[in-house]
């Protein structure tokens, strides 16, 4: 019997420099719903929603202190040491970034266009990449 991939939230861990994976699926990770279940350097997530909890963002900006209020939500396809994108492959992906002190949403690097969903997101090296067909 094949199980669907687990639903997760993935966010940058400012203490480790990598990413934290939080379970959003009560049927995976031994019922650890809402808890961090892994840390990784890279993650590949499908059926992506870029989430910013605006109330928590406003508090972070007011206090001048970062908090976990923005993340990539979707299904975990893979994590750990994923293959690097070649220079040729990077041309077909767009970098996405988020800074609570500069934007209220995730945005495309360069155009500053807001990004809310994507079919895939590759997270690594403190940034996110989505296919340019989005």
N, C-alpha and C. Protein backbone atom coordinates (compact mmCIF):
# COMPACT_ATOMS: atom_id res chain seq x y z
N UNK A 1 0.84 -1.18 0.00
CA UNK A 1 0.00 0.00 0.00
C UNK A 1 0.89 1.25 0.00
N UNK A 2 0.63 2.15 -0.93
CA UNK A 2 1.44 3.36 -1.04
C UNK A 2 0.75 4.51 -0.33
N UNK A 3 1.52 5.23 0.48
CA UNK A 3 1.00 6.38 1.21
C UNK A 3 1.35 7.66 0.47
N UNK A 4 0.47 8.65 0.49
CA UNK A 4 0.81 9.93 -0.13
C UNK A 4 1.92 10.61 0.68
N UNK A 5 2.68 11.50 0.04
CA UNK A 5 3.74 12.19 0.79
C UNK A 5 3.14 13.04 1.91
N UNK A 6 3.89 13.25 2.98
CA UNK A 6 3.36 14.00 4.12
C UNK A 6 3.21 15.49 3.83
N UNK A 7 2.19 16.08 4.44
CA UNK A 7 1.99 17.53 4.37
C UNK A 7 2.85 18.18 5.45
N UNK A 8 3.55 19.25 5.06
CA UNK A 8 4.49 19.89 5.98
C UNK A 8 4.51 21.40 5.80
N UNK A 9 5.07 22.07 6.79
CA UNK A 9 5.49 23.46 6.69
C UNK A 9 7.01 23.43 6.76
N UNK A 10 7.68 24.17 5.88
CA UNK A 10 9.14 24.24 5.91
C UNK A 10 9.52 25.71 6.04
N UNK A 11 10.40 25.99 7.00
CA UNK A 11 10.83 27.37 7.20
C UNK A 11 12.31 27.43 7.52
N UNK A 12 12.90 28.59 7.24
CA UNK A 12 14.32 28.80 7.54
C UNK A 12 14.54 28.80 9.03
N UNK A 13 15.53 28.05 9.46
CA UNK A 13 15.91 28.02 10.86
C UNK A 13 17.11 28.95 11.01
N UNK A 14 16.89 30.11 11.60
CA UNK A 14 17.94 31.12 11.71
C UNK A 14 19.07 30.70 12.64
N UNK A 15 18.81 29.74 13.53
CA UNK A 15 19.86 29.29 14.45
C UNK A 15 20.81 28.30 13.78
N UNK A 16 20.29 27.42 12.93
CA UNK A 16 21.12 26.39 12.32
C UNK A 16 21.58 26.76 10.91
N UNK A 17 20.89 27.72 10.29
CA UNK A 17 21.22 28.09 8.92
C UNK A 17 20.57 27.19 7.89
N UNK A 18 19.87 26.19 8.33
CA UNK A 18 19.17 25.28 7.42
C UNK A 18 17.67 25.52 7.46
N UNK A 19 16.91 24.45 7.36
CA UNK A 19 15.46 24.53 7.37
C UNK A 19 14.89 23.57 8.41
N UNK A 20 13.74 23.94 8.97
CA UNK A 20 13.00 23.07 9.87
C UNK A 20 11.76 22.57 9.14
N UNK A 21 11.41 21.33 9.39
CA UNK A 21 10.22 20.72 8.78
C UNK A 21 9.24 20.44 9.90
N UNK A 22 8.06 21.05 9.79
CA UNK A 22 7.00 20.89 10.80
C UNK A 22 5.88 20.08 10.18
N UNK A 23 5.41 19.07 10.89
CA UNK A 23 4.35 18.20 10.39
C UNK A 23 3.01 18.93 10.31
N UNK A 24 2.30 18.72 9.21
CA UNK A 24 0.93 19.21 9.04
C UNK A 24 0.00 18.03 8.74
N UNK A 25 0.46 16.84 9.06
CA UNK A 25 -0.26 15.63 8.66
C UNK A 25 -0.32 14.65 9.84
N UNK A 26 -1.50 14.46 10.41
CA UNK A 26 -1.61 13.55 11.56
C UNK A 26 -1.34 12.09 11.22
N UNK A 27 -1.33 11.75 9.93
CA UNK A 27 -1.11 10.36 9.53
C UNK A 27 0.36 10.01 9.30
N UNK A 28 1.26 10.98 9.47
CA UNK A 28 2.69 10.74 9.30
C UNK A 28 3.43 11.18 10.57
N UNK A 29 4.66 10.79 10.67
CA UNK A 29 5.56 11.21 11.76
C UNK A 29 5.00 10.84 13.13
N UNK A 30 4.39 9.68 13.24
CA UNK A 30 3.89 9.17 14.53
C UNK A 30 3.00 10.16 15.26
N UNK A 31 2.13 10.84 14.52
CA UNK A 31 1.16 11.75 15.14
C UNK A 31 1.75 13.03 15.68
N UNK A 32 2.92 13.43 15.18
CA UNK A 32 3.58 14.65 15.68
C UNK A 32 3.05 15.90 14.97
N UNK A 33 1.76 15.96 14.77
CA UNK A 33 1.15 17.09 14.06
C UNK A 33 1.50 18.43 14.74
N UNK A 34 1.98 19.39 13.95
CA UNK A 34 2.30 20.70 14.48
C UNK A 34 3.67 20.81 15.11
N UNK A 35 4.42 19.71 15.16
CA UNK A 35 5.75 19.74 15.77
C UNK A 35 6.85 19.61 14.71
N UNK A 36 8.01 20.14 15.02
CA UNK A 36 9.16 20.00 14.13
C UNK A 36 9.59 18.54 14.16
N UNK A 37 9.68 17.94 12.98
CA UNK A 37 10.02 16.52 12.88
C UNK A 37 11.38 16.28 12.26
N UNK A 38 11.97 17.34 11.66
CA UNK A 38 13.29 17.18 11.04
C UNK A 38 13.91 18.54 10.76
N UNK A 39 15.22 18.52 10.59
CA UNK A 39 15.98 19.68 10.14
C UNK A 39 16.77 19.22 8.91
N UNK A 40 16.95 20.12 7.95
CA UNK A 40 17.67 19.75 6.74
C UNK A 40 18.35 20.96 6.12
N UNK A 41 19.25 20.69 5.20
CA UNK A 41 19.92 21.76 4.45
C UNK A 41 19.10 22.15 3.23
N UNK A 42 18.37 21.18 2.67
CA UNK A 42 17.56 21.41 1.48
C UNK A 42 16.27 20.62 1.57
N UNK A 43 15.24 21.13 0.89
CA UNK A 43 13.97 20.40 0.83
C UNK A 43 13.31 20.67 -0.52
N UNK A 44 12.62 19.66 -1.02
CA UNK A 44 11.82 19.80 -2.23
C UNK A 44 10.37 19.58 -1.82
N UNK A 45 9.54 20.60 -2.08
CA UNK A 45 8.14 20.58 -1.64
C UNK A 45 7.24 20.75 -2.86
N UNK A 46 6.17 19.99 -2.91
CA UNK A 46 5.22 20.08 -4.02
C UNK A 46 3.90 20.67 -3.58
N UNK A 47 3.10 21.10 -4.55
CA UNK A 47 1.78 21.69 -4.30
C UNK A 47 1.90 22.79 -3.24
N UNK A 48 2.73 23.77 -3.54
CA UNK A 48 3.21 24.75 -2.57
C UNK A 48 2.27 25.93 -2.38
N UNK A 49 2.12 26.32 -1.13
CA UNK A 49 1.48 27.58 -0.75
C UNK A 49 2.51 28.34 0.09
N UNK A 50 2.76 29.60 -0.28
CA UNK A 50 3.66 30.44 0.50
C UNK A 50 2.82 31.19 1.52
N UNK A 51 3.03 30.90 2.80
CA UNK A 51 2.17 31.40 3.87
C UNK A 51 2.91 32.45 4.70
N UNK A 52 2.25 33.60 4.92
CA UNK A 52 2.73 34.61 5.86
C UNK A 52 1.59 34.91 6.81
N UNK A 53 1.80 34.64 8.09
CA UNK A 53 0.79 34.96 9.10
C UNK A 53 0.97 36.44 9.44
N UNK A 54 0.04 37.26 8.93
CA UNK A 54 0.23 38.71 8.97
C UNK A 54 0.26 39.29 10.40
N UNK A 55 -0.55 38.77 11.31
CA UNK A 55 -0.53 39.27 12.68
C UNK A 55 0.83 39.06 13.33
N UNK A 56 1.40 37.88 13.16
CA UNK A 56 2.71 37.58 13.72
C UNK A 56 3.80 38.38 13.00
N UNK A 57 3.63 38.62 11.71
CA UNK A 57 4.58 39.45 10.97
C UNK A 57 4.60 40.87 11.53
N UNK A 58 3.41 41.42 11.77
CA UNK A 58 3.32 42.79 12.30
C UNK A 58 4.00 42.90 13.67
N UNK A 59 3.81 41.87 14.53
CA UNK A 59 4.47 41.86 15.84
C UNK A 59 5.99 41.81 15.68
N UNK A 60 6.46 40.98 14.74
CA UNK A 60 7.90 40.86 14.51
C UNK A 60 8.49 42.19 14.05
N UNK A 61 7.77 42.89 13.18
CA UNK A 61 8.25 44.18 12.68
C UNK A 61 8.24 45.22 13.80
N UNK A 62 7.16 45.26 14.58
CA UNK A 62 7.05 46.22 15.69
C UNK A 62 8.16 46.00 16.72
N UNK A 63 8.44 44.73 17.03
CA UNK A 63 9.44 44.40 18.04
C UNK A 63 10.86 44.35 17.48
N UNK A 64 10.97 44.38 16.15
CA UNK A 64 12.29 44.29 15.52
C UNK A 64 12.95 42.94 15.71
N UNK A 65 12.13 41.92 15.90
CA UNK A 65 12.65 40.59 16.19
C UNK A 65 11.97 39.57 15.27
N UNK A 66 12.76 38.71 14.68
CA UNK A 66 12.21 37.70 13.78
C UNK A 66 11.51 36.60 14.58
N UNK A 67 10.51 36.00 13.93
CA UNK A 67 9.77 34.89 14.52
C UNK A 67 9.33 33.97 13.40
N UNK A 68 8.89 32.76 13.75
CA UNK A 68 8.41 31.83 12.74
C UNK A 68 6.97 32.21 12.42
N UNK A 69 6.79 32.93 11.32
CA UNK A 69 5.45 33.34 10.89
C UNK A 69 5.29 33.24 9.39
N UNK A 70 6.33 32.79 8.69
CA UNK A 70 6.29 32.63 7.24
C UNK A 70 6.94 31.30 6.88
N UNK A 71 6.30 30.57 5.97
CA UNK A 71 6.81 29.24 5.64
C UNK A 71 6.24 28.78 4.31
N UNK A 72 6.82 27.71 3.81
CA UNK A 72 6.35 27.04 2.61
C UNK A 72 5.52 25.86 3.07
N UNK A 73 4.27 25.79 2.65
CA UNK A 73 3.38 24.69 3.03
C UNK A 73 3.11 23.84 1.80
N UNK A 74 3.22 22.53 1.96
CA UNK A 74 2.95 21.64 0.84
C UNK A 74 3.24 20.21 1.21
N UNK A 75 3.49 19.39 0.20
CA UNK A 75 3.81 17.98 0.44
C UNK A 75 5.31 17.78 0.27
N UNK A 76 5.90 17.10 1.22
CA UNK A 76 7.35 16.88 1.23
C UNK A 76 7.69 15.80 0.21
N UNK A 77 8.49 16.18 -0.79
CA UNK A 77 8.94 15.24 -1.81
C UNK A 77 10.31 14.67 -1.44
N UNK A 78 11.17 15.52 -0.87
CA UNK A 78 12.49 15.06 -0.48
C UNK A 78 13.17 16.09 0.39
N UNK A 79 14.18 15.65 1.13
CA UNK A 79 14.95 16.57 1.98
C UNK A 79 16.33 16.00 2.19
N UNK A 80 17.21 16.82 2.72
CA UNK A 80 18.58 16.40 2.96
C UNK A 80 19.50 17.07 1.96
N UNK A 81 20.40 16.31 1.38
CA UNK A 81 21.31 16.82 0.36
C UNK A 81 20.73 16.49 -1.00
N UNK A 82 20.06 17.46 -1.60
CA UNK A 82 19.47 17.26 -2.91
C UNK A 82 20.46 17.69 -3.99
N UNK A 83 20.30 17.18 -5.20
CA UNK A 83 21.22 17.58 -6.28
C UNK A 83 21.16 19.08 -6.51
N UNK A 84 22.31 19.69 -6.79
CA UNK A 84 22.37 21.13 -7.06
C UNK A 84 21.85 21.41 -8.46
N UNK A 85 21.29 22.61 -8.62
CA UNK A 85 20.88 23.03 -9.95
C UNK A 85 22.11 23.53 -10.70
N UNK A 86 22.25 23.09 -11.94
CA UNK A 86 23.34 23.59 -12.77
C UNK A 86 23.02 25.02 -13.20
N UNK A 87 24.03 25.70 -13.72
CA UNK A 87 23.81 27.07 -14.19
C UNK A 87 22.73 27.11 -15.27
N UNK A 88 22.71 26.09 -16.12
CA UNK A 88 21.69 26.01 -17.18
C UNK A 88 20.30 25.80 -16.58
N UNK A 89 20.20 24.93 -15.59
CA UNK A 89 18.92 24.65 -14.95
C UNK A 89 18.39 25.85 -14.19
N UNK A 90 19.28 26.62 -13.56
CA UNK A 90 18.87 27.78 -12.77
C UNK A 90 18.11 28.78 -13.65
N UNK A 91 18.45 28.84 -14.92
CA UNK A 91 17.75 29.76 -15.84
C UNK A 91 16.27 29.45 -15.95
N UNK A 92 15.87 28.24 -15.61
CA UNK A 92 14.47 27.84 -15.71
C UNK A 92 13.74 27.88 -14.36
N UNK A 93 14.39 28.47 -13.38
CA UNK A 93 13.82 28.60 -12.04
C UNK A 93 13.90 30.06 -11.61
N UNK A 94 12.96 30.48 -10.78
CA UNK A 94 12.94 31.84 -10.25
C UNK A 94 13.18 31.81 -8.75
N UNK A 95 14.01 32.70 -8.29
CA UNK A 95 14.29 32.79 -6.85
C UNK A 95 13.17 33.57 -6.17
N UNK A 96 12.75 33.04 -5.03
CA UNK A 96 11.70 33.65 -4.22
C UNK A 96 12.31 33.99 -2.86
N UNK A 97 11.95 35.15 -2.32
CA UNK A 97 12.50 35.56 -1.03
C UNK A 97 11.41 36.16 -0.16
N UNK A 98 11.72 36.30 1.12
CA UNK A 98 10.80 36.94 2.07
C UNK A 98 11.62 37.64 3.15
N UNK A 99 11.30 38.88 3.39
CA UNK A 99 11.92 39.64 4.47
C UNK A 99 10.80 40.44 5.13
N UNK A 100 10.43 40.12 6.37
CA UNK A 100 9.28 40.77 7.00
C UNK A 100 9.44 42.28 7.15
N UNK A 101 10.67 42.76 7.12
CA UNK A 101 10.90 44.19 7.28
C UNK A 101 10.82 44.93 5.95
N UNK A 102 10.75 44.18 4.83
CA UNK A 102 10.69 44.80 3.51
C UNK A 102 9.42 44.47 2.72
N UNK A 103 8.85 43.26 2.92
CA UNK A 103 7.66 42.84 2.19
C UNK A 103 6.65 42.19 3.14
N UNK A 104 5.42 42.21 2.71
CA UNK A 104 4.38 41.53 3.51
C UNK A 104 4.10 40.12 2.99
N UNK A 105 4.68 39.77 1.84
CA UNK A 105 4.48 38.44 1.23
C UNK A 105 5.81 37.95 0.66
N UNK A 106 5.85 36.67 0.30
CA UNK A 106 6.97 36.15 -0.46
C UNK A 106 6.93 36.82 -1.83
N UNK A 107 8.11 37.15 -2.38
CA UNK A 107 8.17 37.83 -3.67
C UNK A 107 9.26 37.22 -4.55
N UNK A 108 9.12 37.42 -5.86
CA UNK A 108 10.15 37.02 -6.82
C UNK A 108 11.32 37.99 -6.70
N UNK A 109 12.52 37.46 -6.66
CA UNK A 109 13.71 38.30 -6.64
C UNK A 109 13.80 39.02 -7.99
N UNK A 110 14.03 40.30 -7.93
CA UNK A 110 14.13 41.10 -9.15
C UNK A 110 12.86 41.87 -9.46
N UNK A 111 11.75 41.16 -9.62
CA UNK A 111 10.49 41.83 -9.98
C UNK A 111 9.69 42.27 -8.77
N UNK A 112 9.97 41.67 -7.60
CA UNK A 112 9.21 41.96 -6.37
C UNK A 112 7.74 41.57 -6.51
N UNK A 113 7.41 40.76 -7.50
CA UNK A 113 6.04 40.29 -7.69
C UNK A 113 5.68 39.28 -6.60
N UNK A 114 4.53 39.46 -5.92
CA UNK A 114 4.15 38.51 -4.87
C UNK A 114 3.94 37.10 -5.41
N UNK A 115 4.30 36.11 -4.61
CA UNK A 115 4.14 34.71 -4.97
C UNK A 115 3.32 34.04 -3.87
N UNK A 116 2.23 33.38 -4.26
CA UNK A 116 1.37 32.74 -3.28
C UNK A 116 1.33 31.22 -3.42
N UNK A 117 1.50 30.71 -4.64
CA UNK A 117 1.47 29.27 -4.87
C UNK A 117 2.48 28.89 -5.95
N UNK A 118 2.82 27.61 -5.99
CA UNK A 118 3.71 27.08 -7.03
C UNK A 118 3.56 25.56 -7.04
N UNK A 119 3.80 24.94 -8.19
CA UNK A 119 3.73 23.47 -8.23
C UNK A 119 4.86 22.81 -7.45
N UNK A 120 6.03 23.48 -7.40
CA UNK A 120 7.21 22.96 -6.70
C UNK A 120 7.98 24.11 -6.09
N UNK A 121 8.71 23.82 -5.02
CA UNK A 121 9.67 24.77 -4.46
C UNK A 121 10.88 23.98 -4.00
N UNK A 122 12.04 24.45 -4.41
CA UNK A 122 13.30 23.88 -3.95
C UNK A 122 13.88 24.86 -2.95
N UNK A 123 14.04 24.42 -1.72
CA UNK A 123 14.57 25.28 -0.66
C UNK A 123 15.99 24.85 -0.34
N UNK A 124 16.89 25.81 -0.34
CA UNK A 124 18.28 25.53 -0.04
C UNK A 124 19.10 26.79 -0.10
N UNK A 125 20.24 26.77 0.56
CA UNK A 125 21.14 27.92 0.59
C UNK A 125 20.41 29.20 0.99
N UNK A 126 19.55 29.07 1.99
CA UNK A 126 18.81 30.19 2.59
C UNK A 126 17.86 30.90 1.63
N UNK A 127 17.39 30.19 0.60
CA UNK A 127 16.45 30.78 -0.34
C UNK A 127 15.51 29.71 -0.88
N UNK A 128 14.59 30.12 -1.73
CA UNK A 128 13.65 29.20 -2.37
C UNK A 128 13.66 29.46 -3.87
N UNK A 129 13.44 28.40 -4.64
CA UNK A 129 13.39 28.48 -6.09
C UNK A 129 12.10 27.82 -6.55
N UNK A 130 11.43 28.42 -7.54
CA UNK A 130 10.24 27.82 -8.12
C UNK A 130 10.41 27.77 -9.64
N UNK A 131 9.78 26.81 -10.32
CA UNK A 131 9.92 26.73 -11.78
C UNK A 131 9.40 27.99 -12.45
N UNK A 132 10.03 28.38 -13.55
CA UNK A 132 9.64 29.63 -14.20
C UNK A 132 8.32 29.53 -14.95
N UNK A 133 7.70 28.39 -14.98
CA UNK A 133 6.39 28.26 -15.63
C UNK A 133 5.26 28.75 -14.75
N UNK A 134 5.60 29.23 -13.56
CA UNK A 134 4.57 29.70 -12.63
C UNK A 134 4.05 31.04 -13.07
